[in-house]
C-alpha atoms as a PDB file:
ATOM      1  CA  MET A   1     -56.193  25.122 124.430  1.00  0.00           C
ATOM      2  CA  GLU A   2     -53.341  26.448 122.424  1.00  0.00           C
ATOM      3  CA  THR A   3     -53.049  30.547 122.846  1.00  0.00           C
ATOM      4  CA  LYS A   4     -51.020  32.947 120.912  1.00  0.00           C
ATOM      5  CA  PRO A   5     -50.705  35.997 123.226  1.00  0.00           C
ATOM      6  CA  PRO A   6     -51.281  38.804 122.911  1.00  0.00           C
ATOM      7  CA  LEU A   7     -54.973  38.306 123.074  1.00  0.00           C
ATOM      8  CA  PRO A   8     -57.920  40.412 122.003  1.00  0.00           C
ATOM      9  CA  PRO A   9     -59.180  42.678 122.840  1.00  0.00           C
ATOM     10  CA  PHE A  10     -56.255  44.919 121.467  1.00  0.00           C
ATOM     11  CA  THR A  11     -54.874  47.966 122.621  1.00  0.00           C
ATOM     12  CA  LEU A  12     -52.581  49.876 120.796  1.00  0.00           C
ATOM     13  CA  GLU A  13     -49.589  48.664 122.432  1.00  0.00           C
ATOM     14  CA  THR A  14     -50.847  44.941 121.979  1.00  0.00           C
ATOM     15  CA  ALA A  15     -51.596  45.442 118.420  1.00  0.00           C
ATOM     16  CA  LYS A  16     -48.113  46.613 117.844  1.00  0.00           C
ATOM     17  CA  ILE A  17     -46.821  43.563 119.577  1.00  0.00           C
ATOM     18  CA  LYS A  18     -48.822  41.179 117.457  1.00  0.00           C
ATOM     19  CA  VAL A  19     -47.840  42.908 114.107  1.00  0.00           C
ATOM     20  CA  GLN A  20     -44.214  42.719 114.931  1.00  0.00           C
ATOM     21  CA  ALA A  21     -44.401  39.105 115.939  1.00  0.00           C
ATOM     22  CA  ALA A  22     -46.314  38.191 112.812  1.00  0.00           C
ATOM     23  CA  GLU A  23     -43.390  40.107 110.929  1.00  0.00           C
ATOM     24  CA  ASP A  24     -40.914  38.258 112.861  1.00  0.00           C
ATOM     25  CA  ALA A  25     -42.089  34.787 112.212  1.00  0.00           C
ATOM     26  CA  TRP A  26     -42.828  35.429 108.664  1.00  0.00           C
ATOM     27  CA  ASN A  27     -39.026  36.371 108.192  1.00  0.00           C
ATOM     28  CA  THR A  28     -38.111  32.952 109.451  1.00  0.00           C
ATOM     29  CA  ARG A  29     -39.564  31.445 106.160  1.00  0.00           C
ATOM     30  CA  ASP A  30     -40.553  28.560 108.310  1.00  0.00           C
ATOM     31  CA  PRO A  31     -44.091  27.356 107.060  1.00  0.00           C
ATOM     32  CA  ASP A  32     -44.582  25.041 109.981  1.00  0.00           C
ATOM     33  CA  ARG A  33     -43.686  27.576 112.747  1.00  0.00           C
ATOM     34  CA  VAL A  34     -45.683  30.493 110.678  1.00  0.00           C
ATOM     35  CA  ALA A  35     -48.656  28.109 110.470  1.00  0.00           C
ATOM     36  CA  LEU A  36     -49.123  27.778 114.317  1.00  0.00           C
ATOM     37  CA  ALA A  37     -50.184  31.326 114.554  1.00  0.00           C
ATOM     38  CA  TYR A  38     -53.522  30.240 112.694  1.00  0.00           C
ATOM     39  CA  THR A  39     -56.448  28.469 113.931  1.00  0.00           C
ATOM     40  CA  GLU A  40     -57.100  24.981 112.529  1.00  0.00           C
ATOM     41  CA  ASP A  41     -60.221  26.272 110.521  1.00  0.00           C
ATOM     42  CA  SER A  42     -58.539  29.648 109.474  1.00  0.00           C
ATOM     43  CA  GLN A  43     -59.928  31.101 106.375  1.00  0.00           C
ATOM     44  CA  TRP A  44     -57.413  32.866 103.745  1.00  0.00           C
ATOM     45  CA  ARG A  45     -57.535  35.113 100.760  1.00  0.00           C
ATOM     46  CA  ASN A  46     -54.093  35.589  99.393  1.00  0.00           C
ATOM     47  CA  ARG A  47     -54.392  37.543  96.110  1.00  0.00           C
ATOM     48  CA  SER A  48     -56.792  35.274  94.109  1.00  0.00           C
ATOM     49  CA  GLU A  49     -56.111  32.312  96.235  1.00  0.00           C
ATOM     50  CA  PHE A  50     -58.442  30.909  99.077  1.00  0.00           C
ATOM     51  CA  LEU A  51     -57.296  28.640 101.596  1.00  0.00           C
ATOM     52  CA  ASN A  52     -59.047  26.618 104.375  1.00  0.00           C
ATOM     53  CA  GLY A  53     -57.404  25.459 107.471  1.00  0.00           C
ATOM     54  CA  ARG A  54     -53.877  25.438 108.928  1.00  0.00           C
ATOM     55  CA  GLU A  55     -52.603  22.573 106.655  1.00  0.00           C
ATOM     56  CA  GLU A  56     -53.540  24.520 103.655  1.00  0.00           C
ATOM     57  CA  VAL A  57     -52.033  27.584 104.990  1.00  0.00           C
ATOM     58  CA  ARG A  58     -48.818  25.534 105.505  1.00  0.00           C
ATOM     59  CA  ALA A  59     -48.779  24.124 102.084  1.00  0.00           C
ATOM     60  CA  PHE A  60     -49.232  27.223 100.887  1.00  0.00           C
ATOM     61  CA  LEU A  61     -46.452  29.146 102.728  1.00  0.00           C
ATOM     62  CA  LYS A  62     -44.006  26.353 101.536  1.00  0.00           C
ATOM     63  CA  ARG A  63     -44.993  26.845  98.019  1.00  0.00           C
ATOM     64  CA  LYS A  64     -44.555  30.526  98.587  1.00  0.00           C
ATOM     65  CA  TRP A  65     -40.925  30.469  99.850  1.00  0.00           C
ATOM     66  CA  ASP A  66     -40.131  27.768  97.520  1.00  0.00           C
ATOM     67  CA  LYS A  67     -40.873  30.480  94.808  1.00  0.00           C
ATOM     68  CA  GLU A  68     -39.881  33.698  96.672  1.00  0.00           C
ATOM     69  CA  LEU A  69     -36.207  33.310  97.561  1.00  0.00           C
ATOM     70  CA  ASP A  70     -34.242  35.746 100.042  1.00  0.00           C
ATOM     71  CA  TYR A  71     -37.703  36.809 101.106  1.00  0.00           C
ATOM     72  CA  ARG A  72     -37.614  39.905 103.520  1.00  0.00           C
ATOM     73  CA  LEU A  73     -40.802  41.341 104.816  1.00  0.00           C
ATOM     74  CA  LYS A  74     -41.736  44.617 106.685  1.00  0.00           C
ATOM     75  CA  LYS A  75     -45.258  45.074 108.265  1.00  0.00           C
ATOM     76  CA  GLU A  76     -46.712  48.256 109.753  1.00  0.00           C
ATOM     77  CA  LEU A  77     -49.864  48.646 111.956  1.00  0.00           C
ATOM     78  CA  TRP A  78     -52.618  50.352 109.904  1.00  0.00           C
ATOM     79  CA  SER A  79     -55.439  50.236 112.511  1.00  0.00           C
ATOM     80  CA  PHE A  80     -57.011  47.876 114.984  1.00  0.00           C
ATOM     81  CA  THR A  81     -60.586  47.261 116.960  1.00  0.00           C
ATOM     82  CA  ASP A  82     -61.468  44.597 119.486  1.00  0.00           C
ATOM     83  CA  ASN A  83     -60.175  41.277 117.632  1.00  0.00           C
ATOM     84  CA  ARG A  84     -59.261  42.685 114.231  1.00  0.00           C
ATOM     85  CA  ILE A  85     -56.030  44.312 113.127  1.00  0.00           C
ATOM     86  CA  SER A  86     -54.956  45.496 109.456  1.00  0.00           C
ATOM     87  CA  VAL A  87     -51.726  46.085 108.135  1.00  0.00           C
ATOM     88  CA  LYS A  88     -49.962  47.588 105.214  1.00  0.00           C
ATOM     89  CA  PHE A  89     -46.611  45.523 104.276  1.00  0.00           C
ATOM     90  CA  GLU A  90     -43.993  45.352 101.714  1.00  0.00           C
ATOM     91  CA  TYR A  91     -41.380  42.474 100.947  1.00  0.00           C
ATOM     92  CA  GLU A  92     -38.534  41.889  98.845  1.00  0.00           C
ATOM     93  CA  TRP A  93     -37.413  38.755  97.039  1.00  0.00           C
ATOM     94  CA  HIS A  94     -36.010  37.072  93.964  1.00  0.00           C
ATOM     95  CA  ASP A  95     -37.001  34.390  91.881  1.00  0.00           C
ATOM     96  CA  ASP A  96     -34.692  31.520  90.594  1.00  0.00           C
ATOM     97  CA  SER A  97     -33.482  33.511  87.765  1.00  0.00           C
ATOM     98  CA  GLY A  98     -32.240  36.282  89.953  1.00  0.00           C
ATOM     99  CA  ASN A  99     -35.213  38.703  88.974  1.00  0.00           C
ATOM    100  CA  TRP A 100     -35.877  41.118  92.125  1.00  0.00           C
ATOM    101  CA  PHE A 101     -39.548  42.115  93.076  1.00  0.00           C
ATOM    102  CA  ARG A 102     -40.963  44.264  95.832  1.00  0.00           C
ATOM    103  CA  SER A 103     -44.409  43.298  96.809  1.00  0.00           C
ATOM    104  CA  TYR A 104     -46.848  45.849  98.361  1.00  0.00           C
ATOM    105  CA  GLY A 105     -50.188  45.164  99.999  1.00  0.00           C
ATOM    106  CA  ASN A 106     -52.743  45.162 102.690  1.00  0.00           C
ATOM    107  CA  GLU A 107     -53.893  42.843 105.103  1.00  0.00           C
ATOM    108  CA  GLN A 108     -56.812  42.392 107.231  1.00  0.00           C
ATOM    109  CA  TRP A 109     -56.965  39.837 110.315  1.00  0.00           C
ATOM    110  CA  GLU A 110     -59.549  38.586 112.617  1.00  0.00           C
ATOM    111  CA  PHE A 111     -58.442  36.790 115.826  1.00  0.00           C
ATOM    112  CA  ALA A 112     -60.177  34.086 117.866  1.00  0.00           C
ATOM    113  CA  GLU A 113     -60.449  34.509 121.506  1.00  0.00           C
ATOM    114  CA  ASN A 114     -57.218  32.715 122.112  1.00  0.00           C
ATOM    115  CA  GLY A 115     -55.204  34.625 119.894  1.00  0.00           C
ATOM    116  CA  LEU A 116     -54.869  32.489 117.043  1.00  0.00           C
ATOM    117  CA  MET A 117     -55.708  34.367 113.416  1.00  0.00           C
ATOM    118  CA  ARG A 118     -59.050  32.894 112.215  1.00  0.00           C
ATOM    119  CA  ARG A 119     -59.169  34.985 109.116  1.00  0.00           C
ATOM    120  CA  ARG A 120     -56.602  36.658 107.015  1.00  0.00           C
ATOM    121  CA  GLU A 121     -57.324  38.619 103.859  1.00  0.00           C
ATOM    122  CA  ALA A 122     -54.518  39.856 101.624  1.00  0.00           C
ATOM    123  CA  SER A 123     -54.192  42.170  98.553  1.00  0.00           C
ATOM    124  CA  ILE A 124     -50.731  42.307  97.117  1.00  0.00           C
ATOM    125  CA  ASN A 125     -49.060  43.828  93.994  1.00  0.00           C
ATOM    126  CA  ASP A 126     -45.614  42.892  92.839  1.00  0.00           C
ATOM    127  CA  LEU A 127     -43.033  45.322  91.368  1.00  0.00           C
ATOM    128  CA  ARG A 128     -40.102  44.415  89.489  1.00  0.00           C
ATOM    129  CA  ILE A 129     -36.867  46.092  90.817  1.00  0.00           C
ATOM    130  CA  GLN A 130     -33.175  46.015  90.229  1.00  0.00           C
ATOM    131  CA  GLU A 131     -31.282  44.401  92.878  1.00  0.00           C
ATOM    132  CA  ALA A 132     -29.378  47.781  93.705  1.00  0.00           C
ATOM    133  CA  ASP A 133     -32.635  49.129  94.578  1.00  0.00           C
ATOM    134  CA  ARG A 134     -33.557  46.853  97.421  1.00  0.00           C
ATOM    135  CA  LYS A 135     -34.637  48.446 100.787  1.00  0.00           C
ATOM    136  CA  PHE A 136     -33.990  45.211 102.869  1.00  0.00           C
ATOM    137  CA  ARG A 137     -30.907  43.603 103.336  1.00  0.00           C
ATOM    138  CA  PHE A 138     -29.905  40.648 105.317  1.00  0.00           C
END
């Protein structure tokens, strides 16, 4: 059985580790690597899009990073319980015309016993910014 430590139930320390691991993985912009953090039957709501299963997650992430160029993300732990973690986040990216955006949001995560995420719900808003106003640089 595949596992993704740390495993629930979470403590403050292990919840922070889980959030940092997610941030690090998403900043690779590698759909194959990121998708491995989710159960085969994971359920997602991302904005108004609903996804079911790891393969749909992988395809979504590929589309996302084909559009959101030079993506850079920062996540912060908001709260946690036994097998759930809430985060707030912001990320910056630009489109293929060079228009820069900062996206703000909140996510609620639910984990299976093996530490893989089985449910993710994300609410996200985009703000157009000037390149000079970026916070996150490579």
